[in-house]
Amino acid sequence: MAQDPLSAGPKVRHRFETLLSGISRRFVKLPADRIDQEVEGALREIAVFFDVDRCALLGVRPDPRFVLTTHAWCAESIEPLPD
C-alpha cells in the first residue's frame, strides 16, 4: 500500500521532501526539448517512492467531467494507459 508522507514519520517525510526538491531543482534550467523526458522520469521516481505501479500527470479539459493524461509512467510489468 502507498505511504502517506504527510502522516509518516520524520524520516519518510524528509525523504519525500528531498525527492520533491530534487525534481524541482532539475526543472529550473531544463531546456524545453527535455521537459517531457524529465516529467516522465519524475513520475517514475514518485511511483517508486510510493511503491505503486503507475503514476500520471493529468490536465483538465474544457469539460470538467474529463481529464487528459499528459504524461504517464508505468512499471515494465504493467499495461500502459490507452491514448
Protein backbone atom coordinates (compact mmCIF):
# COMPACT_ATOMS: atom_id res chain seq x y z
CA MET A 1 0.00 0.00 0.00
CA ALA A 2 1.21 3.53 -0.77
CA GLN A 3 2.63 5.50 2.09
CA ASP A 4 1.36 8.95 3.02
CA PRO A 5 4.44 11.15 3.58
CA LEU A 6 2.41 13.81 5.34
CA SER A 7 1.42 11.41 8.12
CA ALA A 8 4.57 9.28 8.08
CA GLY A 9 7.45 9.67 10.48
CA PRO A 10 10.00 12.45 10.05
CA LYS A 11 12.50 10.27 8.13
CA VAL A 12 9.96 9.31 5.46
CA ARG A 13 8.68 12.86 5.23
CA HIS A 14 12.26 14.13 4.84
CA ARG A 15 12.88 11.60 2.03
CA PHE A 16 9.72 12.78 0.26
CA GLU A 17 10.64 16.45 0.61
CA THR A 18 14.14 15.69 -0.67
CA LEU A 19 12.63 13.89 -3.66
CA LEU A 20 10.37 16.84 -4.50
CA SER A 21 13.20 19.31 -4.04
CA GLY A 22 15.44 17.34 -6.39
CA ILE A 23 12.73 17.10 -9.03
CA SER A 24 12.02 20.83 -8.77
CA ARG A 25 15.71 21.72 -8.97
CA ARG A 26 16.13 19.75 -12.20
CA PHE A 27 13.37 21.74 -13.89
CA VAL A 28 14.80 25.20 -13.14
CA LYS A 29 17.15 25.41 -16.13
CA LEU A 30 15.88 22.49 -18.15
CA PRO A 31 15.92 23.00 -21.94
CA ALA A 32 12.44 22.86 -23.48
CA ASP A 33 13.31 19.83 -25.60
CA ARG A 34 13.94 17.74 -22.45
CA ILE A 35 10.82 18.64 -20.46
CA ASP A 36 8.72 15.62 -21.49
CA GLN A 37 11.56 13.19 -20.76
CA GLU A 38 12.19 14.77 -17.36
CA VAL A 39 8.48 14.76 -16.43
CA GLU A 40 8.30 11.04 -17.16
CA GLY A 41 11.44 10.45 -15.10
CA ALA A 42 9.96 12.42 -12.22
CA LEU A 43 6.76 10.36 -12.40
CA ARG A 44 8.87 7.20 -12.21
CA GLU A 45 10.66 8.50 -9.10
CA ILE A 46 7.35 9.40 -7.44
CA ALA A 47 5.87 5.99 -8.27
CA VAL A 48 8.91 4.22 -6.83
CA PHE A 49 8.71 6.31 -3.66
CA PHE A 50 5.05 5.43 -3.13
CA ASP A 51 5.60 1.81 -4.22
CA VAL A 52 2.93 1.98 -6.93
CA ASP A 53 2.99 0.54 -10.44
CA ARG A 54 1.91 3.66 -12.32
CA CYS A 55 1.89 7.43 -11.99
CA ALA A 56 0.36 10.04 -14.30
CA LEU A 57 0.05 13.77 -14.76
CA LEU A 58 -3.46 14.82 -15.75
CA GLY A 59 -4.71 18.00 -17.37
CA VAL A 60 -8.20 19.43 -17.11
CA ARG A 61 -10.21 19.60 -20.29
CA PRO A 62 -12.87 22.22 -21.06
CA ASP A 63 -15.49 19.69 -20.00
CA PRO A 64 -14.59 19.10 -16.32
CA ARG A 65 -16.02 15.57 -16.44
CA PHE A 66 -12.97 14.50 -18.45
CA VAL A 67 -9.23 14.77 -18.00
CA LEU A 68 -6.32 14.42 -20.38
CA THR A 69 -3.32 12.28 -19.49
CA THR A 70 -0.39 14.50 -20.46
CA HIS A 71 2.40 12.24 -19.16
CA ALA A 72 2.44 8.77 -17.62
CA TRP A 73 4.85 6.16 -16.34
CA CYS A 74 4.14 2.54 -15.54
CA ALA A 75 6.27 -0.37 -14.36
CA GLU A 76 7.51 -2.79 -17.02
CA SER A 77 5.02 -5.47 -16.00
CA ILE A 78 2.05 -3.08 -16.26
CA GLU A 79 -0.02 -2.36 -19.37
CA PRO A 80 0.30 1.35 -20.31
CA LEU A 81 -2.79 3.55 -20.22
CA PRO A 82 -4.53 3.86 -23.60
CA ASP A 83 -4.07 7.10 -25.52
